[in-house]
Amino acid sequence: MKTFKYVITDEVGIHARPAGILAKEAKKYTSKVTLSCHGAEAEATKLLAVMSMAVKKGEEVTVTIEGADEAAACAEIEKFFKENL
């Protein structure tokens, strides 16, 4: 299991566009990618679940990746967060 934390810097938080791109990115891997923030948790591949978390700018998200390709998935998803969120 791999985990990293990231503070959202996007002005509008995790909204539809980046949530959709995140879901697409997470689907590339066999590992399960889970986001958690302020008591809510969502699988990254589920667009509506991610959006329903209503993560705003300045909030910290914990990303947990568990599975066969977790090392590669963690590196790429962390890179995605830094470039898009």
C-alpha atoms as a PDB file:
ATOM      1  CA  MET A   1       0.000   0.000   0.000  1.00  0.00           C
ATOM      2  CA  LYS A   2       1.274   3.434  -0.989  1.00  0.00           C
ATOM      3  CA  THR A   3      -0.052   6.711   0.411  1.00  0.00           C
ATOM      4  CA  PHE A   4       0.603  10.375  -0.172  1.00  0.00           C
ATOM      5  CA  LYS A   5      -1.007  13.611   0.955  1.00  0.00           C
ATOM      6  CA  TYR A   6      -1.622  16.611  -1.255  1.00  0.00           C
ATOM      7  CA  VAL A   7      -3.012  20.083  -0.532  1.00  0.00           C
ATOM      8  CA  ILE A   8      -5.317  21.213  -3.349  1.00  0.00           C
ATOM      9  CA  THR A   9      -4.074  24.401  -5.012  1.00  0.00           C
ATOM     10  CA  ASP A  10      -6.636  24.688  -7.841  1.00  0.00           C
ATOM     11  CA  GLU A  11      -8.825  27.766  -7.271  1.00  0.00           C
ATOM     12  CA  VAL A  12     -12.079  25.809  -7.532  1.00  0.00           C
ATOM     13  CA  GLY A  13     -10.917  22.564  -5.904  1.00  0.00           C
ATOM     14  CA  ILE A  14     -11.669  19.157  -7.386  1.00  0.00           C
ATOM     15  CA  HIS A  15     -14.406  20.002  -9.888  1.00  0.00           C
ATOM     16  CA  ALA A  16     -15.755  18.117 -12.916  1.00  0.00           C
ATOM     17  CA  ARG A  17     -12.876  18.512 -15.385  1.00  0.00           C
ATOM     18  CA  PRO A  18      -9.978  17.406 -13.154  1.00  0.00           C
ATOM     19  CA  ALA A  19     -12.141  14.762 -11.464  1.00  0.00           C
ATOM     20  CA  GLY A  20     -12.865  13.269 -14.889  1.00  0.00           C
ATOM     21  CA  ILE A  21      -9.206  13.309 -15.866  1.00  0.00           C
ATOM     22  CA  LEU A  22      -8.290  11.773 -12.492  1.00  0.00           C
ATOM     23  CA  ALA A  23     -10.829   8.962 -12.996  1.00  0.00           C
ATOM     24  CA  LYS A  24      -9.382   8.263 -16.447  1.00  0.00           C
ATOM     25  CA  GLU A  25      -5.828   8.244 -15.031  1.00  0.00           C
ATOM     26  CA  ALA A  26      -6.781   5.905 -12.159  1.00  0.00           C
ATOM     27  CA  LYS A  27      -8.428   3.444 -14.577  1.00  0.00           C
ATOM     28  CA  LYS A  28      -5.045   2.857 -16.246  1.00  0.00           C
ATOM     29  CA  TYR A  29      -3.933   0.796 -13.241  1.00  0.00           C
ATOM     30  CA  THR A  30      -5.112  -2.438 -11.671  1.00  0.00           C
ATOM     31  CA  SER A  31      -4.489  -0.993  -8.203  1.00  0.00           C
ATOM     32  CA  LYS A  32      -7.377   0.531  -6.260  1.00  0.00           C
ATOM     33  CA  VAL A  33      -6.934   4.298  -5.856  1.00  0.00           C
ATOM     34  CA  THR A  34      -8.845   5.897  -2.988  1.00  0.00           C
ATOM     35  CA  LEU A  35      -9.140   9.569  -2.029  1.00  0.00           C
ATOM     36  CA  SER A  36     -10.085  10.688   1.464  1.00  0.00           C
ATOM     37  CA  CYS A  37     -10.705  14.165   2.801  1.00  0.00           C
ATOM     38  CA  HIS A  38     -12.564  15.523   5.861  1.00  0.00           C
ATOM     39  CA  GLY A  39     -14.103  12.130   6.688  1.00  0.00           C
ATOM     40  CA  ALA A  40     -15.305  11.355   3.163  1.00  0.00           C
ATOM     41  CA  GLU A  41     -13.766   8.658   0.993  1.00  0.00           C
ATOM     42  CA  ALA A  42     -14.139   7.870  -2.705  1.00  0.00           C
ATOM     43  CA  GLU A  43     -12.640   5.553  -5.262  1.00  0.00           C
ATOM     44  CA  ALA A  44     -10.756   7.698  -7.795  1.00  0.00           C
ATOM     45  CA  THR A  45     -12.265   5.816 -10.740  1.00  0.00           C
ATOM     46  CA  LYS A  46     -15.785   6.926  -9.747  1.00  0.00           C
ATOM     47  CA  LEU A  47     -16.255  10.457 -11.077  1.00  0.00           C
ATOM     48  CA  LEU A  48     -19.448  11.323  -9.191  1.00  0.00           C
ATOM     49  CA  ALA A  49     -18.087   9.973  -5.907  1.00  0.00           C
ATOM     50  CA  VAL A  50     -14.960  12.142  -6.240  1.00  0.00           C
ATOM     51  CA  MET A  51     -17.021  15.231  -7.103  1.00  0.00           C
ATOM     52  CA  SER A  52     -19.431  14.610  -4.217  1.00  0.00           C
ATOM     53  CA  MET A  53     -16.526  14.938  -1.772  1.00  0.00           C
ATOM     54  CA  ALA A  54     -16.583  18.687  -2.601  1.00  0.00           C
ATOM     55  CA  VAL A  55     -12.861  19.175  -1.949  1.00  0.00           C
ATOM     56  CA  LYS A  56     -11.974  22.887  -1.941  1.00  0.00           C
ATOM     57  CA  LYS A  57      -8.733  24.795  -2.418  1.00  0.00           C
ATOM     58  CA  GLY A  58      -6.441  24.498   0.609  1.00  0.00           C
ATOM     59  CA  GLU A  59      -7.852  21.181   1.810  1.00  0.00           C
ATOM     60  CA  GLU A  60      -5.571  18.190   2.213  1.00  0.00           C
ATOM     61  CA  VAL A  61      -6.425  14.974   0.385  1.00  0.00           C
ATOM     62  CA  THR A  62      -4.958  11.609   1.313  1.00  0.00           C
ATOM     63  CA  VAL A  63      -4.482   9.287  -1.662  1.00  0.00           C
ATOM     64  CA  THR A  64      -4.120   5.566  -0.982  1.00  0.00           C
ATOM     65  CA  ILE A  65      -3.088   3.129  -3.705  1.00  0.00           C
ATOM     66  CA  GLU A  66      -3.241  -0.601  -3.150  1.00  0.00           C
ATOM     67  CA  GLY A  67      -2.541  -3.374  -5.640  1.00  0.00           C
ATOM     68  CA  ALA A  68      -0.093  -5.054  -7.979  1.00  0.00           C
ATOM     69  CA  ASP A  69       1.095  -1.902  -9.767  1.00  0.00           C
ATOM     70  CA  GLU A  70       0.858   0.471  -6.797  1.00  0.00           C
ATOM     71  CA  ALA A  71       4.392   1.881  -7.123  1.00  0.00           C
ATOM     72  CA  ALA A  72       3.919   3.004 -10.734  1.00  0.00           C
ATOM     73  CA  ALA A  73       0.366   4.175 -10.053  1.00  0.00           C
ATOM     74  CA  CYS A  74       1.455   6.203  -7.030  1.00  0.00           C
ATOM     75  CA  ALA A  75       4.203   7.999  -8.954  1.00  0.00           C
ATOM     76  CA  GLU A  76       1.942   8.869 -11.886  1.00  0.00           C
ATOM     77  CA  ILE A  77      -1.074   9.900  -9.818  1.00  0.00           C
ATOM     78  CA  GLU A  78       1.060  12.072  -7.539  1.00  0.00           C
ATOM     79  CA  LYS A  79       2.478  13.719 -10.684  1.00  0.00           C
ATOM     80  CA  PHE A  80      -1.105  14.222 -11.940  1.00  0.00           C
ATOM     81  CA  PHE A  81      -2.086  15.976  -8.697  1.00  0.00           C
ATOM     82  CA  LYS A  82       0.898  18.333  -8.886  1.00  0.00           C
ATOM     83  CA  GLU A  83       0.189  19.232 -12.528  1.00  0.00           C
ATOM     84  CA  ASN A  84      -3.630  19.506 -12.360  1.00  0.00           C
ATOM     85  CA  LEU A  85      -4.801  20.160  -8.824  1.00  0.00           C
END
